[in-house]
């Protein structure tokens, strides 16, 4: 279709006192957008079906700053969008306009159950509870240490001192990420500074051992599944003896009402 012929009228030429003319221009504009497919790399203002995923049952999707990731029912992961910093996990930094399966998981027979993407970084949790991360790794934001700034294929994230640690969820942000353990423990990778300053992993209480820099750090006094006990006013619980299926208190009141009514 010739886009020039389908384009709406110039808004400067539309009479401002004629709402019908404005509505017609908007209708033409929406018709133009509806004819755009994902073969076009321009911004999409109307939801479109991703044709290349037809026949694949997608159970999760996550959109980041400039790339996206989807998860199918078989635990396979597909990424597309900007490949900056290796965020797509294909071993390079090439942009992909169509979903491409992350073969590292396929080749290693790893099944994924949870995904998340942020700003040029991606993370996933396997069905075995292992955490994988790739993309921009600067300042320890992926929990892979400080040796690399970019990771182009998924790598296993280890939790210091927790050999049997199992994760159930991950969340990627801008300069940090979070890992949620099966036991409710919460670990942060990287860190958020103030007004863009001091981003990265810091510790207000003690100096982090050099070997642990850039690794996941447990957030103390936080647990996702278990509420931390709070100080409460002590009250003595009042218990009532049972009489039949009624509490003694309730039955006495009922009997009293019956006597007053003459029954």
Protein backbone atom coordinates (compact mmCIF):
# COMPACT_ATOMS: atom_id res chain seq x y z
CA UNK A 1 0.00 0.00 0.00
CA UNK A 2 1.21 3.48 -0.81
CA UNK A 3 1.70 5.17 2.53
CA UNK A 4 1.57 8.63 0.96
CA UNK A 5 -1.96 7.94 -0.26
CA UNK A 6 -3.06 6.59 3.13
CA UNK A 7 -1.50 9.31 5.24
CA UNK A 8 -3.92 11.59 7.09
CA UNK A 9 -4.31 15.23 6.27
CA UNK A 10 -1.83 17.73 7.62
CA UNK A 11 -3.11 18.76 11.04
CA UNK A 12 -2.24 22.38 10.29
CA UNK A 13 -4.74 22.30 7.43
CA UNK A 14 -7.62 20.92 9.53
CA UNK A 15 -10.17 23.58 10.59
CA UNK A 16 -9.96 23.80 14.37
CA UNK A 17 -13.69 24.56 14.64
CA UNK A 18 -14.70 21.42 12.73
CA UNK A 19 -14.60 18.37 15.05
CA UNK A 20 -15.80 16.12 12.21
CA UNK A 21 -12.67 16.94 10.21
CA UNK A 22 -10.45 16.10 13.19
CA UNK A 23 -12.24 12.79 13.73
CA UNK A 24 -11.84 11.88 10.06
CA UNK A 25 -8.12 12.65 10.21
CA UNK A 26 -7.78 10.47 13.31
CA UNK A 27 -9.70 7.64 11.60
CA UNK A 28 -7.31 7.75 8.64
CA UNK A 29 -4.35 7.71 11.00
CA UNK A 30 -5.66 4.66 12.89
CA UNK A 31 -6.34 2.83 9.62
CA UNK A 32 -2.75 3.47 8.60
CA UNK A 33 -1.42 2.10 11.90
CA UNK A 34 -3.65 -0.97 11.64
CA UNK A 35 -2.07 -1.82 8.30
CA UNK A 36 1.45 -1.79 9.78
CA UNK A 37 2.89 -5.23 10.56
CA UNK A 38 5.89 -6.36 12.61
CA UNK A 39 7.85 -6.56 9.36
CA UNK A 40 8.10 -2.81 9.94
CA UNK A 41 10.65 -1.84 12.59
CA UNK A 42 8.88 1.42 13.42
CA UNK A 43 7.13 2.00 16.74
CA UNK A 44 3.86 0.06 17.11
CA UNK A 45 0.94 1.95 18.63
CA UNK A 46 -1.54 -0.91 18.34
CA UNK A 47 -0.96 -4.46 19.70
CA UNK A 48 0.10 -6.84 16.94
CA UNK A 49 0.41 -10.63 16.84
CA UNK A 50 4.00 -11.82 16.49
CA UNK A 51 3.64 -14.06 13.46
CA UNK A 52 6.92 -15.91 14.03
CA UNK A 53 5.61 -17.21 17.38
CA UNK A 54 2.41 -18.66 15.92
CA UNK A 55 2.00 -22.27 17.03
CA UNK A 56 4.22 -21.75 20.09
CA UNK A 57 2.39 -21.50 23.42
CA UNK A 58 3.88 -18.53 25.28
CA UNK A 59 3.36 -18.53 29.05
CA UNK A 60 5.37 -15.44 30.02
CA UNK A 61 6.65 -12.24 28.43
CA UNK A 62 8.84 -9.44 29.72
CA UNK A 63 9.73 -6.11 28.10
CA UNK A 64 12.88 -4.19 29.01
CA UNK A 65 14.31 -0.83 28.01
CA UNK A 66 15.09 -1.85 24.43
CA UNK A 67 14.74 -5.62 24.24
CA UNK A 68 12.16 -8.25 25.15
CA UNK A 69 12.03 -11.89 26.19
CA UNK A 70 9.30 -14.54 26.04
CA UNK A 71 9.04 -18.01 27.58
CA UNK A 72 7.20 -20.96 26.07
CA UNK A 73 5.48 -23.87 27.78
CA UNK A 74 8.50 -26.12 27.22
CA UNK A 75 10.88 -23.86 29.14
CA UNK A 76 12.53 -22.36 26.05
CA UNK A 77 13.44 -18.67 25.93
CA UNK A 78 13.26 -16.31 22.96
CA UNK A 79 14.72 -12.79 22.85
CA UNK A 80 14.49 -9.91 20.39
CA UNK A 81 15.21 -6.20 20.13
CA UNK A 82 18.50 -4.45 20.85
CA UNK A 83 21.46 -6.74 21.39
CA UNK A 84 23.50 -4.05 23.13
CA UNK A 85 25.89 -5.50 25.73
CA UNK A 86 24.84 -9.01 24.72
CA UNK A 87 21.42 -8.62 26.34
CA UNK A 88 19.80 -11.10 23.91
CA UNK A 89 22.07 -13.96 24.96
CA UNK A 90 23.02 -15.10 21.46
CA UNK A 91 26.77 -14.60 21.87
CA UNK A 92 26.88 -11.24 20.11
CA UNK A 93 25.49 -7.69 20.26
CA UNK A 94 23.44 -7.86 17.07
CA UNK A 95 19.91 -6.45 16.99
CA UNK A 96 17.17 -8.99 16.29
CA UNK A 97 13.82 -7.86 14.89
CA UNK A 98 12.27 -11.31 15.35
CA UNK A 99 12.26 -13.64 18.38
CA UNK A 100 15.32 -15.91 18.37
CA UNK A 101 15.62 -18.91 20.70
CA UNK A 102 18.46 -18.70 23.23
CA UNK A 103 20.38 -21.82 22.24
CA UNK A 104 22.62 -21.88 25.31
CA UNK A 105 19.70 -23.21 27.34
CA UNK A 106 18.69 -25.59 24.56
CA UNK A 107 22.21 -27.01 24.21
CA UNK A 108 22.58 -27.43 27.98
CA UNK A 109 19.12 -28.99 28.36
CA UNK A 110 18.13 -26.25 30.82
CA UNK A 111 14.42 -25.52 31.20
CA UNK A 112 13.41 -22.03 32.31
CA UNK A 113 10.40 -21.16 34.48
CA UNK A 114 10.86 -17.44 35.26
CA UNK A 115 12.27 -14.53 33.22
CA UNK A 116 13.05 -10.83 33.59
CA UNK A 117 14.74 -8.13 31.54
CA UNK A 118 15.90 -4.63 32.43
CA UNK A 119 18.18 -2.07 30.84
CA UNK A 120 20.45 -4.11 28.54
CA UNK A 121 20.44 -7.07 30.92
CA UNK A 122 18.48 -10.30 31.28
CA UNK A 123 17.99 -12.97 33.93
CA UNK A 124 16.16 -16.28 34.18
CA UNK A 125 15.40 -18.99 36.74
CA UNK A 126 15.52 -22.64 35.70
CA UNK A 127 13.11 -25.35 36.82
CA UNK A 128 15.95 -26.57 39.05
CA UNK A 129 16.10 -23.22 40.86
CA UNK A 130 19.33 -22.03 39.24
CA UNK A 131 19.76 -18.38 38.26
CA UNK A 132 21.24 -17.33 34.92
CA UNK A 133 22.20 -13.81 33.85
CA UNK A 134 23.59 -12.09 30.77
CA UNK A 135 23.95 -8.64 29.23
CA UNK A 136 25.38 -5.56 30.91
CA UNK A 137 27.26 -6.70 34.01
CA UNK A 138 28.95 -3.47 35.10
CA UNK A 139 29.06 -2.73 38.85
CA UNK A 140 27.91 -6.22 39.71
CA UNK A 141 24.34 -5.66 38.54
CA UNK A 142 24.05 -9.28 37.34
CA UNK A 143 25.74 -10.91 40.32
CA UNK A 144 28.51 -12.30 38.11
CA UNK A 145 31.35 -10.41 39.76
CA UNK A 146 33.30 -7.38 38.58
CA UNK A 147 35.56 -9.01 35.97
CA UNK A 148 33.26 -8.43 32.99
CA UNK A 149 31.20 -5.48 31.81
CA UNK A 150 29.34 -7.45 29.14
CA UNK A 151 28.20 -11.08 29.07
CA UNK A 152 26.80 -12.29 25.74
CA UNK A 153 25.56 -15.77 26.75
CA UNK A 154 23.68 -16.90 29.87
CA UNK A 155 25.94 -17.62 32.83
CA UNK A 156 25.16 -19.28 36.14
CA UNK A 157 24.89 -16.92 39.12
CA UNK A 158 26.22 -18.39 42.36
CA UNK A 159 25.26 -17.34 45.88
CA UNK A 160 28.27 -17.21 48.21
CA UNK A 161 27.95 -19.68 51.08
CA UNK A 162 24.70 -21.17 49.74
CA UNK A 163 25.62 -24.25 47.71
CA UNK A 164 22.07 -25.60 47.81
CA UNK A 165 20.38 -22.24 47.20
CA UNK A 166 17.27 -22.46 45.03
CA UNK A 167 15.65 -19.40 43.45
CA UNK A 168 12.02 -18.90 42.50
CA UNK A 169 12.09 -15.42 40.97
CA UNK A 170 14.35 -12.69 39.57
CA UNK A 171 13.75 -9.04 38.72
CA UNK A 172 15.99 -6.81 36.60
CA UNK A 173 16.04 -3.05 37.03
CA UNK A 174 18.22 -0.24 35.71
CA UNK A 175 21.49 -0.71 37.58
CA UNK A 176 20.59 -3.58 39.87
CA UNK A 177 18.66 -6.84 40.05
CA UNK A 178 16.98 -8.96 42.74
CA UNK A 179 16.92 -12.69 43.35
CA UNK A 180 14.22 -14.32 45.49
CA UNK A 181 15.07 -17.62 47.17
CA UNK A 182 12.76 -20.53 47.76
CA UNK A 183 13.18 -19.88 51.49
CA UNK A 184 12.10 -16.25 51.06
CA UNK A 185 15.57 -14.74 51.29
CA UNK A 186 16.23 -11.74 49.07
CA UNK A 187 19.51 -10.98 47.34
CA UNK A 188 20.49 -7.80 45.51
CA UNK A 189 23.02 -7.56 42.70
CA UNK A 190 24.50 -4.12 42.05
CA UNK A 191 22.89 -1.17 43.77
CA UNK A 192 21.10 2.14 43.29
CA UNK A 193 22.79 5.37 44.29
CA UNK A 194 21.38 8.87 44.75
CA UNK A 195 20.71 11.03 41.68
CA UNK A 196 22.63 8.60 39.52
CA UNK A 197 25.73 8.75 41.73
CA UNK A 198 27.32 5.85 43.58
CA UNK A 199 25.41 3.23 41.58
CA UNK A 200 26.78 -0.24 42.12
CA UNK A 201 27.29 -2.54 45.06
CA UNK A 202 27.90 -0.78 48.34
CA UNK A 203 27.63 -1.78 51.97
CA UNK A 204 26.89 0.69 54.73
CA UNK A 205 27.83 -1.65 57.57
CA UNK A 206 31.11 -3.29 56.63
CA UNK A 207 33.61 -3.54 53.83
CA UNK A 208 32.74 -6.26 51.34
CA UNK A 209 35.46 -8.84 50.79
CA UNK A 210 37.10 -8.30 47.41
CA UNK A 211 36.23 -11.82 46.28
CA UNK A 212 32.54 -11.09 46.95
CA UNK A 213 32.43 -7.79 45.06
CA UNK A 214 29.82 -7.92 42.34
CA UNK A 215 28.22 -11.04 43.79
CA UNK A 216 24.64 -11.25 45.13
CA UNK A 217 24.34 -9.74 48.61
CA UNK A 218 21.59 -10.81 50.99
CA UNK A 219 19.30 -8.07 52.23
CA UNK A 220 19.09 -8.50 55.98
CA UNK A 221 15.81 -8.31 57.92
CA UNK A 222 13.81 -9.06 54.79
CA UNK A 223 12.01 -12.25 53.90
CA UNK A 224 9.44 -12.59 51.14
CA UNK A 225 7.47 -15.51 52.58
CA UNK A 226 7.82 -15.12 56.35
CA UNK A 227 6.74 -12.08 58.29
CA UNK A 228 9.37 -10.89 60.73
CA UNK A 229 7.95 -10.99 64.28
CA UNK A 230 6.90 -7.61 65.65
CA UNK A 231 6.61 -6.46 69.24
CA UNK A 232 2.98 -6.75 70.34
CA UNK A 233 1.06 -5.93 73.48
CA UNK A 234 0.63 -9.06 75.57
CA UNK A 235 -3.01 -9.98 76.10
CA UNK A 236 -4.43 -12.93 77.99
CA UNK A 237 -6.70 -14.94 75.75
CA UNK A 238 -10.18 -15.67 77.12
CA UNK A 239 -11.35 -19.24 76.57
CA UNK A 240 -14.82 -20.63 77.06
CA UNK A 241 -15.79 -24.17 77.85
CA UNK A 242 -17.83 -25.95 75.22
CA UNK A 243 -21.35 -27.18 75.95
CA UNK A 244 -22.67 -29.17 73.05
CA UNK A 245 -22.00 -27.22 69.89
CA UNK A 246 -22.45 -23.88 71.67
CA UNK A 247 -20.02 -22.04 73.84
CA UNK A 248 -21.16 -21.89 77.46
CA UNK A 249 -21.42 -18.12 77.28
CA UNK A 250 -23.63 -18.21 74.22
CA UNK A 251 -25.90 -20.97 75.54
CA UNK A 252 -26.47 -19.18 78.87
CA UNK A 253 -27.52 -16.04 77.05
CA UNK A 254 -29.95 -17.98 74.89
CA UNK A 255 -31.49 -19.70 77.93
CA UNK A 256 -31.89 -16.36 79.68
CA UNK A 257 -33.73 -14.90 76.71
CA UNK A 258 -35.98 -17.96 76.60
CA UNK A 259 -36.96 -17.56 80.29
CA UNK A 260 -37.75 -13.85 79.86
CA UNK A 261 -40.01 -14.55 76.89
CA UNK A 262 -41.98 -17.22 78.80
CA UNK A 263 -41.16 -20.13 76.51
